[in-house]
Amino acid sequence: MGVKERRTKILLSLFLLSDVEFKFVAIDENVQHIFDYSLNQKTKATLSALMKEGSIEKKEDDKAESYRLTDAGFESLSFEFPFFRFLKAKWDGKWRIISYEIPESKRELRDKLRREMQGWGLGPWHRSFWVTPHPITSHLKEMVAGKAEEQYIQAFESDHVFGKQEVLIEKVWGKSLLDKKYRELFKKWHEVLSKDGDKNDKFIAVIGEYITLLRDDPGLPVDVMGEGWIGYEAMNIFKEIRSILLS
C-alpha cells in the first residue's frame, strides 16, 4: 500500500475509514488485511503509544478493538498527507516561505532535512526558496531547535499581495500535471472495479493507487484550488467505492 511505518498505517486506516468525523473504527481482521498490519505485540505497543500521546482514542469495553483519531492524530497525519488538512481545517490565508542553503559539504544534513519536510505541501518557488499554505513554521522551528541545520534556515509568513495566483500554483506545484495524475487514477480505479474478484482485494488495489497519488498532492486549500478541483472529486469517488466494497 506504499506505507511502511506501522504508526502511519494505523492513523491512515482510521482516517480513510472514517473521514473528518473521526468515527470509531473496528480494527478487525478485514481492516488489518486491507492496511497490511496485524494486532501483534508491536502493533499493540504502537496503539498504546498513540493513545498515550493523545493521537487516538479507544472505545471502552469494546472487544472489537475500536479506535478513532483525535485532532492531534489528524494533525500528525496531515504532516505526511497534507491533502487531508484542509478537508477539516480552514486556511488562514497565509503563505509560509522557507529558505535553506546547506553547503554541499553537508549534503547528508541537507538530505535529512528534505526527508523530514516531505509531506508539508512545500513547492519550489525559486532556488533554495520553498512555499506552502500549511501552518508548518512552528513545527519546523521546534524540529530544528538546537540542531546543526538551524543555522541554515529562514522562515517567513506572508499574504499574497500582487500577481496572478493561478500562475504561481502552476509554476510551483504543477496543477495541470496533478490534474492529469488524478484522471489516470480514475482510469485505474475503473479497471480494478470492472474486473471480477474479491471485494477486499479490489479495495486494497484502490487504496494502494490512491495513497500513491496522495503522497504527491500538496493539499492546497479550496480558496486556491476552487471547489471543483479534481482532488476533491477523487475523495468523493473514493468514499462511494469504499461504501460499495466494504458493504
Protein backbone atom coordinates (compact mmCIF):
# COMPACT_ATOMS: atom_id res chain seq x y z
CA MET A 1 0.00 0.00 0.00
CA GLY A 2 3.01 2.27 -0.21
CA VAL A 3 3.27 2.92 3.55
CA LYS A 4 5.81 1.04 5.64
CA GLU A 5 5.69 2.70 9.06
CA ARG A 6 3.25 1.00 11.42
CA ARG A 7 2.27 4.25 13.13
CA THR A 8 1.31 5.87 9.84
CA LYS A 9 -0.61 2.79 8.69
CA ILE A 10 -2.76 2.94 11.80
CA LEU A 11 -3.50 6.66 11.58
CA LEU A 12 -4.16 6.42 7.86
CA SER A 13 -6.53 3.48 8.23
CA LEU A 14 -8.54 5.32 10.90
CA PHE A 15 -8.88 8.38 8.69
CA LEU A 16 -9.63 6.69 5.38
CA LEU A 17 -12.34 4.58 7.02
CA SER A 18 -13.98 7.40 8.99
CA ASP A 19 -13.24 10.71 7.20
CA VAL A 20 -13.20 14.02 9.09
CA GLU A 21 -15.91 12.91 11.53
CA PHE A 22 -13.32 10.73 13.32
CA LYS A 23 -15.75 7.89 13.90
CA PHE A 24 -14.63 4.79 15.76
CA VAL A 25 -13.18 2.11 13.50
CA ALA A 26 -13.05 -1.54 14.50
CA ILE A 27 -9.59 -2.86 13.70
CA ASP A 28 -10.83 -6.31 12.76
CA GLU A 29 -9.14 -8.87 10.52
CA ASN A 30 -10.62 -7.23 7.44
CA VAL A 31 -9.10 -3.82 8.23
CA GLN A 32 -5.78 -5.41 9.16
CA HIS A 33 -5.69 -7.22 5.83
CA ILE A 34 -6.55 -4.11 3.83
CA PHE A 35 -3.94 -1.92 5.52
CA ASP A 36 -1.30 -4.63 5.86
CA TYR A 37 -0.79 -4.87 9.60
CA SER A 38 -1.83 -7.30 12.33
CA LEU A 39 -2.64 -6.95 16.01
CA ASN A 40 0.65 -8.42 17.15
CA GLN A 41 2.71 -7.16 20.07
CA LYS A 42 4.41 -4.44 18.01
CA THR A 43 1.09 -3.11 16.76
CA LYS A 44 -0.42 -3.18 20.24
CA ALA A 45 2.62 -1.28 21.54
CA THR A 46 2.17 1.30 18.78
CA LEU A 47 -1.54 1.66 19.61
CA SER A 48 -0.68 2.17 23.27
CA ALA A 49 1.92 4.81 22.38
CA LEU A 50 -0.57 6.61 20.12
CA MET A 51 -3.16 6.65 22.91
CA LYS A 52 -0.62 7.88 25.43
CA GLU A 53 0.40 10.79 23.22
CA GLY A 54 -3.26 11.62 22.55
CA SER A 55 -3.30 10.82 18.82
CA ILE A 56 -6.05 8.20 19.07
CA GLU A 57 -8.80 7.15 21.46
CA LYS A 58 -10.10 3.66 22.19
CA LYS A 59 -13.73 2.78 22.72
CA GLU A 60 -14.02 1.37 26.19
CA ASP A 61 -15.50 -2.11 26.74
CA ASP A 62 -15.21 -2.89 23.06
CA LYS A 63 -13.99 -6.39 22.21
CA ALA A 64 -13.50 -5.41 18.57
CA GLU A 65 -10.58 -3.07 19.37
CA SER A 66 -12.22 0.11 18.04
CA TYR A 67 -10.26 3.33 17.81
CA ARG A 68 -10.66 6.80 16.40
CA LEU A 69 -8.41 9.71 15.51
CA THR A 70 -8.14 12.79 17.71
CA ASP A 71 -7.36 16.29 16.46
CA ALA A 72 -3.73 15.72 17.47
CA GLY A 73 -3.57 12.48 15.50
CA PHE A 74 -5.13 14.14 12.48
CA GLU A 75 -2.59 16.96 12.66
CA SER A 76 0.24 14.44 12.80
CA LEU A 77 -1.16 12.56 9.80
CA SER A 78 -1.56 15.83 7.87
CA PHE A 79 2.19 16.40 8.07
CA GLU A 80 2.60 13.26 5.97
CA PHE A 81 -0.52 13.65 3.81
CA PRO A 82 -1.14 17.41 3.53
CA PHE A 83 -4.21 16.88 1.33
CA PHE A 84 -6.18 15.90 4.43
CA ARG A 85 -5.59 19.07 6.47
CA PHE A 86 -7.89 21.48 4.65
CA LEU A 87 -10.67 18.92 4.37
CA LYS A 88 -11.25 19.76 8.03
CA ALA A 89 -9.41 22.99 8.84
CA LYS A 90 -9.98 26.41 7.30
CA TRP A 91 -6.99 28.08 5.69
CA ASP A 92 -5.81 31.25 7.41
CA GLY A 93 -4.78 32.84 4.09
CA LYS A 94 -1.09 32.90 4.98
CA TRP A 95 1.74 31.59 2.83
CA ARG A 96 4.82 30.13 4.52
CA ILE A 97 8.17 30.64 2.81
CA ILE A 98 11.12 28.51 3.83
CA SER A 99 14.69 29.19 2.74
CA TYR A 100 17.63 26.94 3.41
CA GLU A 101 21.05 26.84 1.81
CA ILE A 102 23.05 23.98 3.25
CA PRO A 103 26.53 23.66 1.70
CA GLU A 104 27.46 20.68 -0.43
CA SER A 105 29.95 19.62 2.22
CA LYS A 106 26.95 18.95 4.47
CA ARG A 107 24.89 17.07 1.91
CA GLU A 108 23.74 14.45 4.43
CA LEU A 109 22.31 17.21 6.63
CA ARG A 110 20.51 18.74 3.65
CA ASP A 111 19.07 15.41 2.52
CA LYS A 112 17.92 14.66 6.08
CA LEU A 113 16.08 17.98 6.27
CA ARG A 114 14.39 17.37 2.92
CA ARG A 115 13.19 13.96 4.05
CA GLU A 116 11.77 15.43 7.26
CA MET A 117 9.88 18.11 5.31
CA GLN A 118 8.34 15.72 2.80
CA GLY A 119 4.57 15.88 3.06
CA TRP A 120 4.44 19.52 4.16
CA GLY A 121 2.97 20.67 0.85
CA LEU A 122 6.14 22.60 0.05
CA GLY A 123 6.68 23.66 -3.55
CA PRO A 124 9.91 25.00 -5.13
CA TRP A 125 9.41 28.71 -5.79
CA HIS A 126 12.99 29.74 -6.57
CA ARG A 127 16.37 28.24 -5.82
CA SER A 128 16.51 27.50 -2.09
CA PHE A 129 13.04 29.02 -1.57
CA TRP A 130 10.01 26.84 -0.83
CA VAL A 131 6.42 27.92 -0.29
CA THR A 132 3.37 26.27 1.29
CA PRO A 133 -0.04 27.32 2.66
CA HIS A 134 0.25 24.84 5.53
CA PRO A 135 0.92 26.10 9.09
CA ILE A 136 4.31 24.43 9.43
CA THR A 137 6.63 27.17 10.72
CA SER A 138 6.22 26.48 14.44
CA HIS A 139 6.67 22.76 13.80
CA LEU A 140 9.81 23.46 11.76
CA LYS A 141 11.18 25.71 14.49
CA GLU A 142 10.71 23.02 17.13
CA MET A 143 12.15 20.35 14.85
CA VAL A 144 15.47 22.14 14.21
CA ALA A 145 15.90 23.97 17.52
CA GLY A 146 19.41 23.40 18.81
CA LYS A 147 20.37 21.24 15.82
CA ALA A 148 23.06 21.81 13.20
CA GLU A 149 20.60 22.65 10.41
CA GLU A 150 19.03 25.53 12.39
CA GLN A 151 21.72 27.99 11.29
CA TYR A 152 20.90 27.48 7.62
CA ILE A 153 17.13 28.04 7.77
CA GLN A 154 14.99 31.18 7.44
CA ALA A 155 11.20 31.08 7.62
CA PHE A 156 8.60 33.73 6.76
CA GLU A 157 4.81 34.09 6.74
CA SER A 158 3.13 36.39 4.25
CA ASP A 159 -0.05 37.44 2.45
CA HIS A 160 -0.31 37.21 -1.32
CA VAL A 161 -0.42 40.88 -2.32
CA PHE A 162 0.09 41.03 -6.08
CA GLY A 163 0.29 38.73 -9.09
CA LYS A 164 -1.84 36.01 -10.62
CA GLN A 165 -2.20 33.29 -8.05
CA GLU A 166 -3.06 30.65 -10.66
CA VAL A 167 0.29 31.28 -12.34
CA LEU A 168 2.06 30.72 -9.03
CA ILE A 169 0.14 27.49 -8.40
CA GLU A 170 1.04 26.09 -11.82
CA LYS A 171 4.70 27.11 -11.58
CA VAL A 172 5.29 25.87 -8.04
CA TRP A 173 3.07 22.78 -7.80
CA GLY A 174 2.25 21.88 -11.40
CA LYS A 175 -1.52 21.86 -11.05
CA SER A 176 -2.13 20.65 -14.62
CA LEU A 177 0.17 17.65 -14.13
CA LEU A 178 -1.53 16.78 -10.86
CA ASP A 179 -4.90 17.01 -12.61
CA LYS A 180 -3.60 14.54 -15.20
CA LYS A 181 -2.47 12.13 -12.48
CA TYR A 182 -5.96 12.17 -10.93
CA ARG A 183 -7.55 11.39 -14.29
CA GLU A 184 -5.16 8.48 -14.70
CA LEU A 185 -6.16 7.33 -11.20
CA PHE A 186 -9.82 7.27 -12.22
CA LYS A 187 -8.93 5.03 -15.16
CA LYS A 188 -7.03 2.64 -12.88
CA TRP A 189 -9.93 2.54 -10.43
CA HIS A 190 -12.30 1.75 -13.29
CA GLU A 191 -10.07 -1.12 -14.43
CA VAL A 192 -9.96 -2.55 -10.89
CA LEU A 193 -13.71 -2.30 -10.36
CA SER A 194 -14.64 -3.69 -13.77
CA LYS A 195 -12.87 -6.99 -13.16
CA ASP A 196 -14.21 -9.97 -11.26
CA GLY A 197 -12.65 -10.64 -7.89
CA ASP A 198 -12.82 -10.37 -4.13
CA LYS A 199 -14.14 -7.06 -2.81
CA ASN A 200 -11.34 -6.70 -0.26
CA ASP A 201 -8.68 -7.31 -2.89
CA LYS A 202 -10.28 -4.67 -5.08
CA PHE A 203 -10.34 -2.21 -2.19
CA ILE A 204 -6.68 -2.90 -1.45
CA ALA A 205 -5.85 -2.08 -5.08
CA VAL A 206 -7.98 1.10 -4.98
CA ILE A 207 -6.36 2.31 -1.75
CA GLY A 208 -2.87 1.47 -2.97
CA GLU A 209 -3.27 3.63 -6.09
CA TYR A 210 -4.90 6.42 -4.08
CA ILE A 211 -2.22 6.59 -1.40
CA THR A 212 0.49 6.82 -4.05
CA LEU A 213 -1.17 9.90 -5.51
CA LEU A 214 -1.98 11.45 -2.14
CA ARG A 215 1.77 11.46 -1.47
CA ASP A 216 2.14 13.85 -4.41
CA ASP A 217 -0.82 16.14 -3.65
CA PRO A 218 0.37 19.27 -1.78
CA GLY A 219 -3.07 19.75 -0.24
CA LEU A 220 -3.68 23.30 -1.36
CA PRO A 221 -6.82 24.85 0.17
CA VAL A 222 -10.15 25.22 -1.61
CA ASP A 223 -9.65 29.01 -1.56
CA VAL A 224 -6.81 28.43 -4.02
CA MET A 225 -7.92 25.37 -5.98
CA GLY A 226 -11.65 26.04 -6.18
CA GLU A 227 -14.49 23.76 -5.09
CA GLY A 228 -14.42 21.95 -8.43
CA TRP A 229 -10.82 20.75 -8.02
CA ILE A 230 -10.47 17.14 -9.16
CA GLY A 231 -8.76 16.15 -5.91
CA TYR A 232 -12.00 16.74 -4.02
CA GLU A 233 -13.89 14.77 -6.65
CA ALA A 234 -11.46 11.89 -6.14
CA MET A 235 -12.12 11.85 -2.40
CA ASN A 236 -15.88 11.71 -3.00
CA ILE A 237 -15.48 8.89 -5.52
CA PHE A 238 -13.25 7.03 -3.06
CA LYS A 239 -15.97 7.26 -0.41
CA GLU A 240 -18.51 5.80 -2.84
CA ILE A 241 -16.16 2.95 -3.74
CA ARG A 242 -15.50 2.32 -0.05
CA SER A 243 -19.20 2.08 0.77
CA ILE A 244 -19.73 -0.40 -2.09
CA LEU A 245 -16.72 -2.65 -1.49
CA LEU A 246 -16.93 -2.72 2.29
CA SER A 247 -20.70 -3.27 2.44
